């Protein structure tokens, strides 16, 4: 039961950060309400990983179009959250 909750939370985090990565890669317009919402909610999730590859997270104001960016920060966040969530889920599944 507890493992299912961990996997559900992990899935939500992975979805939000994954959408951030895809929108930045494909040049999503931050003036769009949904894209802006994804950027806003994913910013705290990727913040701990900023600067690992000497690339800062992309921030843009309303109405500013950011063209295609390969966001290493989001990619590392996806990987780390998957590893941590997998380990926690497996530990709690055994309980």
PDB file of N, CA and C in Angstrom:
ATOM      1  N   UNK A   1       0.822  -1.197   0.000  1.00  0.00           N
ATOM      2  CA  UNK A   1       0.000   0.000   0.000  1.00  0.00           C
ATOM      3  C   UNK A   1       0.864   1.257   0.000  1.00  0.00           C
ATOM      4  N   UNK A   2       1.839   1.291   0.908  1.00  0.00           N
ATOM      5  CA  UNK A   2       2.723   2.458   0.992  1.00  0.00           C
ATOM      6  C   UNK A   2       3.596   2.571  -0.255  1.00  0.00           C
ATOM      7  N   UNK A   3       3.992   1.438  -0.785  1.00  0.00           N
ATOM      8  CA  UNK A   3       4.802   1.448  -2.012  1.00  0.00           C
ATOM      9  C   UNK A   3       3.994   2.019  -3.167  1.00  0.00           C
ATOM     10  N   UNK A   4       2.708   1.731  -3.230  1.00  0.00           N
ATOM     11  CA  UNK A   4       1.853   2.267  -4.293  1.00  0.00           C
ATOM     12  C   UNK A   4       1.764   3.788  -4.206  1.00  0.00           C
ATOM     13  N   UNK A   5       1.712   4.311  -2.999  1.00  0.00           N
ATOM     14  CA  UNK A   5       1.672   5.769  -2.813  1.00  0.00           C
ATOM     15  C   UNK A   5       2.982   6.386  -3.281  1.00  0.00           C
ATOM     16  N   UNK A   6       4.096   5.772  -2.935  1.00  0.00           N
ATOM     17  CA  UNK A   6       5.406   6.271  -3.367  1.00  0.00           C
ATOM     18  C   UNK A   6       5.508   6.255  -4.887  1.00  0.00           C
ATOM     19  N   UNK A   7       5.058   5.174  -5.508  1.00  0.00           N
ATOM     20  CA  UNK A   7       5.116   5.084  -6.967  1.00  0.00           C
ATOM     21  C   UNK A   7       4.175   6.092  -7.632  1.00  0.00           C
ATOM     22  N   UNK A   8       3.037   6.373  -7.011  1.00  0.00           N
ATOM     23  CA  UNK A   8       2.105   7.366  -7.560  1.00  0.00           C
ATOM     24  C   UNK A   8       2.711   8.775  -7.501  1.00  0.00           C
ATOM     25  N   UNK A   9       3.328   9.104  -6.375  1.00  0.00           N
ATOM     26  CA  UNK A   9       3.976  10.412  -6.230  1.00  0.00           C
ATOM     27  C   UNK A   9       5.150  10.515  -7.195  1.00  0.00           C
ATOM     28  N   UNK A  10       5.924   9.456  -7.299  1.00  0.00           N
ATOM     29  CA  UNK A  10       7.043   9.436  -8.237  1.00  0.00           C
ATOM     30  C   UNK A  10       6.551   9.620  -9.671  1.00  0.00           C
ATOM     31  N   UNK A  11       5.470   8.971 -10.025  1.00  0.00           N
ATOM     32  CA  UNK A  11       4.912   9.105 -11.362  1.00  0.00           C
ATOM     33  C   UNK A  11       4.491  10.531 -11.673  1.00  0.00           C
ATOM     34  N   UNK A  12       3.888  11.200 -10.702  1.00  0.00           N
ATOM     35  CA  UNK A  12       3.484  12.597 -10.886  1.00  0.00           C
ATOM     36  C   UNK A  12       4.692  13.507 -11.065  1.00  0.00           C
ATOM     37  N   UNK A  13       5.723  13.294 -10.249  1.00  0.00           N
ATOM     38  CA  UNK A  13       6.957  14.091 -10.359  1.00  0.00           C
ATOM     39  C   UNK A  13       7.617  13.847 -11.707  1.00  0.00           C
ATOM     40  N   UNK A  14       7.705  12.586 -12.110  1.00  0.00           N
ATOM     41  CA  UNK A  14       8.322  12.252 -13.390  1.00  0.00           C
ATOM     42  C   UNK A  14       7.536  12.862 -14.553  1.00  0.00           C
ATOM     43  N   UNK A  15       6.208  12.866 -14.455  1.00  0.00           N
ATOM     44  CA  UNK A  15       5.378  13.451 -15.504  1.00  0.00           C
ATOM     45  C   UNK A  15       5.630  14.947 -15.643  1.00  0.00           C
ATOM     46  N   UNK A  16       5.643  15.660 -14.523  1.00  0.00           N
ATOM     47  CA  UNK A  16       5.831  17.114 -14.561  1.00  0.00           C
ATOM     48  C   UNK A  16       7.227  17.467 -15.075  1.00  0.00           C
ATOM     49  N   UNK A  17       8.252  16.808 -14.563  1.00  0.00           N
ATOM     50  CA  UNK A  17       9.617  17.104 -15.002  1.00  0.00           C
ATOM     51  C   UNK A  17       9.821  16.639 -16.452  1.00  0.00           C
ATOM     52  N   UNK A  18       9.221  15.523 -16.822  1.00  0.00           N
ATOM     53  CA  UNK A  18       9.320  15.041 -18.196  1.00  0.00           C
ATOM     54  C   UNK A  18       8.667  15.999 -19.186  1.00  0.00           C
ATOM     55  N   UNK A  19       7.516  16.551 -18.820  1.00  0.00           N
ATOM     56  CA  UNK A  19       6.875  17.545 -19.676  1.00  0.00           C
ATOM     57  C   UNK A  19       7.726  18.805 -19.787  1.00  0.00           C
ATOM     58  N   UNK A  20       8.361  19.198 -18.685  1.00  0.00           N
ATOM     59  CA  UNK A  20       9.256  20.356 -18.729  1.00  0.00           C
ATOM     60  C   UNK A  20      10.379  20.116 -19.741  1.00  0.00           C
ATOM     61  N   UNK A  21      10.983  18.936 -19.654  1.00  0.00           N
ATOM     62  CA  UNK A  21      12.068  18.596 -20.570  1.00  0.00           C
ATOM     63  C   UNK A  21      11.585  18.640 -22.023  1.00  0.00           C
ATOM     64  N   UNK A  22      10.435  18.034 -22.274  1.00  0.00           N
ATOM     65  CA  UNK A  22       9.899  17.991 -23.643  1.00  0.00           C
ATOM     66  C   UNK A  22       9.548  19.387 -24.152  1.00  0.00           C
ATOM     67  N   UNK A  23       8.913  20.202 -23.315  1.00  0.00           N
ATOM     68  CA  UNK A  23       8.537  21.549 -23.752  1.00  0.00           C
ATOM     69  C   UNK A  23       9.759  22.401 -24.036  1.00  0.00           C
ATOM     70  N   UNK A  24      10.785  22.288 -23.203  1.00  0.00           N
ATOM     71  CA  UNK A  24      12.002  23.063 -23.456  1.00  0.00           C
ATOM     72  C   UNK A  24      12.712  22.566 -24.711  1.00  0.00           C
ATOM     73  N   UNK A  25      12.724  21.254 -24.902  1.00  0.00           N
ATOM     74  CA  UNK A  25      13.386  20.688 -26.073  1.00  0.00           C
ATOM     75  C   UNK A  25      12.673  21.082 -27.371  1.00  0.00           C
ATOM     76  N   UNK A  26      11.363  21.133 -27.310  1.00  0.00           N
ATOM     77  CA  UNK A  26      10.583  21.442 -28.506  1.00  0.00           C
ATOM     78  C   UNK A  26      10.252  22.927 -28.634  1.00  0.00           C
ATOM     79  N   UNK A  27      10.749  23.753 -27.709  1.00  0.00           N
ATOM     80  CA  UNK A  27      10.529  25.203 -27.785  1.00  0.00           C
ATOM     81  C   UNK A  27       9.140  25.617 -27.365  1.00  0.00           C
ATOM     82  N   UNK A  28       8.611  25.011 -26.311  1.00  0.00           N
ATOM     83  CA  UNK A  28       7.281  25.364 -25.814  1.00  0.00           C
ATOM     84  C   UNK A  28       7.202  26.833 -25.425  1.00  0.00           C
ATOM     85  N   UNK A  29       6.105  27.473 -25.759  1.00  0.00           N
ATOM     86  CA  UNK A  29       5.917  28.897 -25.503  1.00  0.00           C
ATOM     87  C   UNK A  29       5.470  29.123 -24.060  1.00  0.00           C
ATOM     88  N   UNK A  30       6.281  29.806 -23.241  1.00  0.00           N
ATOM     89  CA  UNK A  30       5.901  30.044 -21.848  1.00  0.00           C
ATOM     90  C   UNK A  30       4.715  30.980 -21.693  1.00  0.00           C
ATOM     91  N   UNK A  31       4.276  31.636 -22.763  1.00  0.00           N
ATOM     92  CA  UNK A  31       3.083  32.473 -22.700  1.00  0.00           C
ATOM     93  C   UNK A  31       1.816  31.617 -22.671  1.00  0.00           C
ATOM     94  N   UNK A  32       1.945  30.350 -23.083  1.00  0.00           N
ATOM     95  CA  UNK A  32       0.824  29.419 -23.005  1.00  0.00           C
ATOM     96  C   UNK A  32       0.583  29.078 -21.534  1.00  0.00           C
ATOM     97  N   UNK A  33      -0.666  29.088 -21.120  1.00  0.00           N
ATOM     98  CA  UNK A  33      -0.995  28.865 -19.699  1.00  0.00           C
ATOM     99  C   UNK A  33      -0.507  27.501 -19.212  1.00  0.00           C
ATOM    100  N   UNK A  34      -0.711  26.444 -19.995  1.00  0.00           N
ATOM    101  CA  UNK A  34      -0.318  25.107 -19.554  1.00  0.00           C
ATOM    102  C   UNK A  34       1.199  24.968 -19.473  1.00  0.00           C
ATOM    103  N   UNK A  35       1.906  25.460 -20.482  1.00  0.00           N
ATOM    104  CA  UNK A  35       3.375  25.381 -20.483  1.00  0.00           C
ATOM    105  C   UNK A  35       3.931  26.184 -19.310  1.00  0.00           C
ATOM    106  N   UNK A  36       3.386  27.351 -19.068  1.00  0.00           N
ATOM    107  CA  UNK A  36       3.824  28.182 -17.941  1.00  0.00           C
ATOM    108  C   UNK A  36       3.566  27.465 -16.614  1.00  0.00           C
ATOM    109  N   UNK A  37       2.422  26.778 -16.510  1.00  0.00           N
ATOM    110  CA  UNK A  37       2.099  26.033 -15.297  1.00  0.00           C
ATOM    111  C   UNK A  37       3.115  24.913 -15.070  1.00  0.00           C
ATOM    112  N   UNK A  38       3.459  24.205 -16.134  1.00  0.00           N
ATOM    113  CA  UNK A  38       4.459  23.126 -16.020  1.00  0.00           C
ATOM    114  C   UNK A  38       5.807  23.702 -15.599  1.00  0.00           C
ATOM    115  N   UNK A  39       6.251  24.801 -16.204  1.00  0.00           N
ATOM    116  CA  UNK A  39       7.524  25.434 -15.841  1.00  0.00           C
ATOM    117  C   UNK A  39       7.515  25.869 -14.377  1.00  0.00           C
ATOM    118  N   UNK A  40       6.404  26.445 -13.926  1.00  0.00           N
ATOM    119  CA  UNK A  40       6.307  26.935 -12.544  1.00  0.00           C
ATOM    120  C   UNK A  40       6.363  25.783 -11.541  1.00  0.00           C
ATOM    121  N   UNK A  41       5.606  24.729 -11.798  1.00  0.00           N
ATOM    122  CA  UNK A  41       5.554  23.607 -10.859  1.00  0.00           C
ATOM    123  C   UNK A  41       6.804  22.732 -10.897  1.00  0.00           C
ATOM    124  N   UNK A  42       7.489  22.715 -12.031  1.00  0.00           N
ATOM    125  CA  UNK A  42       8.680  21.876 -12.124  1.00  0.00           C
ATOM    126  C   UNK A  42       9.942  22.586 -11.642  1.00  0.00           C
ATOM    127  N   UNK A  43       9.915  23.906 -11.552  1.00  0.00           N
ATOM    128  CA  UNK A  43      11.111  24.658 -11.145  1.00  0.00           C
ATOM    129  C   UNK A  43      11.667  24.207  -9.791  1.00  0.00           C
ATOM    130  N   UNK A  44      10.837  24.054  -8.739  1.00  0.00           N
ATOM    131  CA  UNK A  44      11.402  23.590  -7.463  1.00  0.00           C
ATOM    132  C   UNK A  44      11.910  22.147  -7.515  1.00  0.00           C
ATOM    133  N   UNK A  45      11.350  21.346  -8.424  1.00  0.00           N
ATOM    134  CA  UNK A  45      11.765  19.948  -8.531  1.00  0.00           C
ATOM    135  C   UNK A  45      13.132  19.803  -9.197  1.00  0.00           C
ATOM    136  N   UNK A  46      13.474  20.712 -10.100  1.00  0.00           N
ATOM    137  CA  UNK A  46      14.765  20.636 -10.781  1.00  0.00           C
ATOM    138  C   UNK A  46      15.820  21.535 -10.131  1.00  0.00           C
ATOM    139  N   UNK A  47      15.401  22.414  -9.223  1.00  0.00           N
ATOM    140  CA  UNK A  47      16.329  23.364  -8.595  1.00  0.00           C
ATOM    141  C   UNK A  47      17.529  22.702  -7.906  1.00  0.00           C
ATOM    142  N   UNK A  48      17.363  21.576  -7.207  1.00  0.00           N
ATOM    143  CA  UNK A  48      18.536  20.970  -6.556  1.00  0.00           C
ATOM    144  C   UNK A  48      19.622  20.504  -7.528  1.00  0.00           C
ATOM    145  N   UNK A  49      19.281  20.370  -8.797  1.00  0.00           N
ATOM    146  CA  UNK A  49      20.216  19.830  -9.775  1.00  0.00           C
ATOM    147  C   UNK A  49      20.798  20.900 -10.698  1.00  0.00           C
ATOM    148  N   UNK A  50      20.446  22.156 -10.470  1.00  0.00           N
ATOM    149  CA  UNK A  50      20.971  23.239 -11.309  1.00  0.00           C
ATOM    150  C   UNK A  50      22.474  23.370 -11.122  1.00  0.00           C
ATOM    151  N   UNK A  51      23.158  23.608 -12.206  1.00  0.00           N
ATOM    152  CA  UNK A  51      24.588  23.854 -12.154  1.00  0.00           C
ATOM    153  C   UNK A  51      25.469  22.624 -12.213  1.00  0.00           C
ATOM    154  N   UNK A  52      24.889  21.450 -12.282  1.00  0.00           N
ATOM    155  CA  UNK A  52      25.707  20.235 -12.348  1.00  0.00           C
ATOM    156  C   UNK A  52      26.573  20.246 -13.596  1.00  0.00           C
ATOM    157  N   UNK A  53      25.975  20.631 -14.715  1.00  0.00           N
ATOM    158  CA  UNK A  53      26.709  20.713 -15.974  1.00  0.00           C
ATOM    159  C   UNK A  53      26.983  22.155 -16.368  1.00  0.00           C
ATOM    160  N   UNK A  54      27.020  23.040 -15.395  1.00  0.00           N
ATOM    161  CA  UNK A  54      27.316  24.456 -15.613  1.00  0.00           C
ATOM    162  C   UNK A  54      26.299  25.099 -16.547  1.00  0.00           C
ATOM    163  N   UNK A  55      25.074  24.588 -16.523  1.00  0.00           N
ATOM    164  CA  UNK A  55      23.970  25.158 -17.287  1.00  0.00           C
ATOM    165  C   UNK A  55      22.867  25.471 -16.294  1.00  0.00           C
ATOM    166  N   UNK A  56      22.407  26.685 -16.300  1.00  0.00           N
ATOM    167  CA  UNK A  56      21.341  27.070 -15.391  1.00  0.00           C
ATOM    168  C   UNK A  56      19.997  26.799 -16.046  1.00  0.00           C
ATOM    169  N   UNK A  57      18.998  26.573 -15.229  1.00  0.00           N
ATOM    170  CA  UNK A  57      17.661  26.337 -15.764  1.00  0.00           C
ATOM    171  C   UNK A  57      17.210  27.561 -16.551  1.00  0.00           C
ATOM    172  N   UNK A  58      16.469  27.326 -17.576  1.00  0.00           N
ATOM    173  CA  UNK A  58      16.009  28.404 -18.441  1.00  0.00           C
ATOM    174  C   UNK A  58      14.797  29.070 -17.805  1.00  0.00           C
ATOM    175  N   UNK A  59      14.856  30.366 -17.651  1.00  0.00           N
ATOM    176  CA  UNK A  59      13.710  31.112 -17.164  1.00  0.00           C
ATOM    177  C   UNK A  59      13.381  32.183 -18.178  1.00  0.00           C
ATOM    178  N   UNK A  60      12.126  32.382 -18.394  1.00  0.00           N
ATOM    179  CA  UNK A  60      11.690  33.388 -19.353  1.00  0.00           C
ATOM    180  C   UNK A  60      10.419  34.030 -18.840  1.00  0.00           C
ATOM    181  N   UNK A  61      10.265  35.277 -19.142  1.00  0.00           N
ATOM    182  CA  UNK A  61       9.075  36.001 -18.714  1.00  0.00           C
ATOM    183  C   UNK A  61       7.890  35.683 -19.611  1.00  0.00           C
ATOM    184  N   UNK A  62       6.749  36.171 -19.203  1.00  0.00           N
ATOM    185  CA  UNK A  62       5.530  35.964 -19.976  1.00  0.00           C
ATOM    186  C   UNK A  62       5.671  36.593 -21.352  1.00  0.00           C
ATOM    187  N   UNK A  63       5.320  35.845 -22.352  1.00  0.00           N
ATOM    188  CA  UNK A  63       5.366  36.349 -23.716  1.00  0.00           C
ATOM    189  C   UNK A  63       6.705  36.174 -24.404  1.00  0.00           C
ATOM    190  N   UNK A  64       7.694  35.656 -23.691  1.00  0.00           N
ATOM    191  CA  UNK A  64       9.015  35.440 -24.279  1.00  0.00           C
ATOM    192  C   UNK A  64       9.082  34.005 -24.778  1.00  0.00           C
ATOM    193  N   UNK A  65       9.385  33.835 -26.033  1.00  0.00           N
ATOM    194  CA  UNK A  65       9.469  32.504 -26.619  1.00  0.00           C
ATOM    195  C   UNK A  65      10.903  32.006 -26.524  1.00  0.00           C
ATOM    196  N   UNK A  66      11.077  30.865 -25.872  1.00  0.00           N
ATOM    197  CA  UNK A  66      12.391  30.252 -25.753  1.00  0.00           C
ATOM    198  C   UNK A  66      12.455  29.145 -26.795  1.00  0.00           C
ATOM    199  N   UNK A  67      13.422  29.215 -27.664  1.00  0.00           N
ATOM    200  CA  UNK A  67      13.553  28.195 -28.688  1.00  0.00           C
ATOM    201  C   UNK A  67      14.204  26.954 -28.090  1.00  0.00           C
ATOM    202  N   UNK A  68      14.306  25.920 -28.831  1.00  0.00           N
ATOM    203  CA  UNK A  68      14.737  24.609 -28.383  1.00  0.00           C
ATOM    204  C   UNK A  68      15.963  24.650 -27.470  1.00  0.00           C
ATOM    205  N   UNK A  69      15.806  24.055 -26.273  1.00  0.00           N
ATOM    206  CA  UNK A  69      16.877  23.989 -25.279  1.00  0.00           C
ATOM    207  C   UNK A  69      16.938  22.562 -24.755  1.00  0.00           C
ATOM    208  N   UNK A  70      18.125  21.974 -24.763  1.00  0.00           N
ATOM    209  CA  UNK A  70      18.306  20.654 -24.155  1.00  0.00           C
ATOM    210  C   UNK A  70      18.625  20.887 -22.686  1.00  0.00           C
ATOM    211  N   UNK A  71      17.658  20.649 -21.820  1.00  0.00           N
ATOM    212  CA  UNK A  71      17.782  20.957 -20.402  1.00  0.00           C
ATOM    213  C   UNK A  71      18.378  19.774 -19.639  1.00  0.00           C
ATOM    214  N   UNK A  72      19.687  19.830 -19.442  1.00  0.00           N
ATOM    215  CA  UNK A  72      20.385  18.775 -18.705  1.00  0.00           C
ATOM    216  C   UNK A  72      19.883  18.678 -17.275  1.00  0.00           C
ATOM    217  N   UNK A  73      19.492  19.809 -16.695  1.00  0.00           N
ATOM    218  CA  UNK A  73      19.005  19.821 -15.317  1.00  0.00           C
ATOM    219  C   UNK A  73      17.775  18.928 -15.174  1.00  0.00           C
ATOM    220  N   UNK A  74      16.832  19.054 -16.078  1.00  0.00           N
ATOM    221  CA  UNK A  74      15.621  18.235 -16.023  1.00  0.00           C
ATOM    222  C   UNK A  74      15.943  16.764 -16.279  1.00  0.00           C
ATOM    223  N   UNK A  75      16.855  16.505 -17.173  1.00  0.00           N
ATOM    224  CA  UNK A  75      17.228  15.124 -17.477  1.00  0.00           C
ATOM    225  C   UNK A  75      17.850  14.433 -16.261  1.00  0.00           C
ATOM    226  N   UNK A  76      18.744  15.131 -15.578  1.00  0.00           N
ATOM    227  CA  UNK A  76      19.356  14.583 -14.359  1.00  0.00           C
ATOM    228  C   UNK A  76      18.302  14.405 -13.272  1.00  0.00           C
ATOM    229  N   UNK A  77      17.391  15.367 -13.142  1.00  0.00           N
ATOM    230  CA  UNK A  77      16.324  15.260 -12.148  1.00  0.00           C
ATOM    231  C   UNK A  77      15.457  14.032 -12.416  1.00  0.00           C
ATOM    232  N   UNK A  78      15.114  13.792 -13.674  1.00  0.00           N
ATOM    233  CA  UNK A  78      14.330  12.602 -14.024  1.00  0.00           C
ATOM    234  C   UNK A  78      15.045  11.329 -13.585  1.00  0.00           C
ATOM    235  N   UNK A  79      16.322  11.252 -13.850  1.00  0.00           N
ATOM    236  CA  UNK A  79      17.106  10.074 -13.506  1.00  0.00           C
ATOM    237  C   UNK A  79      17.206   9.875 -11.993  1.00  0.00           C
ATOM    238  N   UNK A  80      17.518  10.936 -11.272  1.00  0.00           N
ATOM    239  CA  UNK A  80      17.686  10.838  -9.813  1.00  0.00           C
ATOM    240  C   UNK A  80      16.362  10.491  -9.128  1.00  0.00           C
ATOM    241  N   UNK A  81      15.272  11.162  -9.534  1.00  0.00           N
ATOM    242  CA  UNK A  81      13.975  10.847  -8.926  1.00  0.00           C
ATOM    243  C   UNK A  81      13.553   9.413  -9.222  1.00  0.00           C
ATOM    244  N   UNK A  82      13.844   8.910 -10.408  1.00  0.00           N
ATOM    245  CA  UNK A  82      13.505   7.525 -10.740  1.00  0.00           C
ATOM    246  C   UNK A  82      14.285   6.547  -9.860  1.00  0.00           C
ATOM    247  N   UNK A  83      15.559   6.819  -9.659  1.00  0.00           N
ATOM    248  CA  UNK A  83      16.388   5.934  -8.828  1.00  0.00           C
ATOM    249  C   UNK A  83      15.920   5.966  -7.376  1.00  0.00           C
ATOM    250  N   UNK A  84      15.729   7.164  -6.826  1.00  0.00           N
ATOM    251  CA  UNK A  84      15.306   7.289  -5.428  1.00  0.00           C
ATOM    252  C   UNK A  84      13.920   6.682  -5.223  1.00  0.00           C
ATOM    253  N   UNK A  85      13.004   6.989  -6.125  1.00  0.00           N
ATOM    254  CA  UNK A  85      11.656   6.439  -6.016  1.00  0.00           C
ATOM    255  C   UNK A  85      11.633   4.930  -6.148  1.00  0.00           C
ATOM    256  N   UNK A  86      12.438   4.388  -7.055  1.00  0.00           N
ATOM    257  CA  UNK A  86      12.507   2.945  -7.215  1.00  0.00           C
ATOM    258  C   UNK A  86      13.027   2.250  -5.980  1.00  0.00           C
ATOM    259  N   UNK A  87      14.066   2.827  -5.401  1.00  0.00           N
ATOM    260  CA  UNK A  87      14.647   2.245  -4.178  1.00  0.00           C
ATOM    261  C   UNK A  87      13.631   2.311  -3.022  1.00  0.00           C
ATOM    262  N   UNK A  88      13.015   3.479  -2.818  1.00  0.00           N
ATOM    263  CA  UNK A  88      12.033   3.612  -1.740  1.00  0.00           C
ATOM    264  C   UNK A  88      10.842   2.682  -1.949  1.00  0.00           C
ATOM    265  N   UNK A  89      10.367   2.605  -3.179  1.00  0.00           N
ATOM    266  CA  UNK A  89       9.237   1.738  -3.471  1.00  0.00           C
ATOM    267  C   UNK A  89       9.532   0.277  -3.210  1.00  0.00           C
ATOM    268  N   UNK A  90      10.706  -0.158  -3.592  1.00  0.00           N
ATOM    269  CA  UNK A  90      11.089  -1.562  -3.365  1.00  0.00           C
ATOM    270  C   UNK A  90      11.262  -1.863  -1.871  1.00  0.00           C
ATOM    271  N   UNK A  91      11.850  -0.897  -1.139  1.00  0.00           N
ATOM    272  CA  UNK A  91      12.001  -1.089   0.302  1.00  0.00           C
ATOM    273  C   UNK A  91      10.661  -1.168   0.997  1.00  0.00           C
ATOM    274  N   UNK A  92       9.729  -0.288   0.595  1.00  0.00           N
ATOM    275  CA  UNK A  92       8.408  -0.282   1.234  1.00  0.00           C
ATOM    276  C   UNK A  92       7.550  -1.454   0.777  1.00  0.00           C
ATOM    277  N   UNK A  93       7.799  -1.980  -0.391  1.00  0.00           N
ATOM    278  CA  UNK A  93       7.042  -3.139  -0.866  1.00  0.00           C
ATOM    279  C   UNK A  93       7.378  -4.388  -0.052  1.00  0.00           C
ATOM    280  N   UNK A  94       8.598  -4.431   0.464  1.00  0.00           N
ATOM    281  CA  UNK A  94       9.030  -5.567   1.271  1.00  0.00           C
ATOM    282  C   UNK A  94       8.536  -5.505   2.698  1.00  0.00           C
ATOM    283  N   UNK A  95       7.975  -4.375   3.113  1.00  0.00           N
ATOM    284  CA  UNK A  95       7.519  -4.197   4.501  1.00  0.00           C
ATOM    285  C   UNK A  95       6.181  -4.804   4.708  1.00  0.00           C
TER     286      UNK A  95
END
